[in-house]
Amino acid sequence: MTYPSAAKVARLWGISARSVRNCCAQGRVPGAFPTGKARGVPADAGRPVA
């Protein structure tokens, strides 16, 4: 499984990278995990619903 950067995921989802990091930190993205200051987001994770 690949883990693209928050910036790449943000472009795919149509939201900001900060919003992706916030969603991951809040546990709204299944499979996301912290890697230092960044977040590992699974490539097959779907965009969380507000």
Protein backbone atom coordinates (compact mmCIF):
# COMPACT_ATOMS: atom_id res chain seq x y z
CA MET A 1 0.00 0.00 0.00
CA THR A 2 1.24 3.49 -0.79
CA TYR A 3 0.94 6.53 1.43
CA PRO A 4 0.95 9.77 -0.59
CA SER A 5 1.64 13.12 1.02
CA ALA A 6 -1.12 15.27 2.48
CA ALA A 7 -0.61 17.71 -0.41
CA LYS A 8 -1.25 15.00 -3.04
CA VAL A 9 -4.30 13.73 -1.17
CA ALA A 10 -5.57 17.32 -0.86
CA ARG A 11 -5.41 17.77 -4.65
CA LEU A 12 -7.33 14.51 -5.17
CA TRP A 13 -10.00 15.42 -2.61
CA GLY A 14 -10.25 19.08 -3.65
CA ILE A 15 -9.46 20.48 -0.19
CA SER A 16 -6.43 22.07 1.46
CA ALA A 17 -3.51 20.05 2.83
CA ARG A 18 -4.23 21.52 6.25
CA SER A 19 -7.76 20.13 6.12
CA VAL A 20 -6.37 16.69 5.24
CA ARG A 21 -4.03 16.83 8.25
CA ASN A 22 -6.88 17.97 10.50
CA CYS A 23 -9.14 15.14 9.33
CA CYS A 24 -6.37 12.63 9.98
CA ALA A 25 -5.65 14.05 13.44
CA GLN A 26 -9.36 13.85 14.32
CA GLY A 27 -9.50 10.19 13.29
CA ARG A 28 -11.85 10.80 10.37
CA VAL A 29 -9.58 9.06 7.82
CA PRO A 30 -9.37 5.31 8.43
CA GLY A 31 -5.84 3.94 8.31
CA ALA A 32 -4.10 7.31 8.68
CA PHE A 33 -1.20 7.44 11.12
CA PRO A 34 1.25 10.05 12.39
CA THR A 35 4.80 10.03 11.03
CA GLY A 36 6.59 12.77 12.89
CA LYS A 37 4.92 16.05 11.93
CA ALA A 38 3.34 14.54 8.80
CA ARG A 39 0.49 12.06 8.38
CA GLY A 40 0.49 8.81 6.46
CA VAL A 41 -2.74 8.68 4.46
CA PRO A 42 -3.57 5.42 2.66
CA ALA A 43 -3.92 5.90 -1.09
CA ASP A 44 -7.28 4.12 -1.10
CA ALA A 45 -8.80 6.20 1.72
CA GLY A 46 -11.92 8.09 0.76
CA ARG A 47 -12.62 11.73 1.48
CA PRO A 48 -14.29 12.12 4.89
CA VAL A 49 -17.74 13.62 5.04
CA ALA A 50 -18.15 16.79 7.09
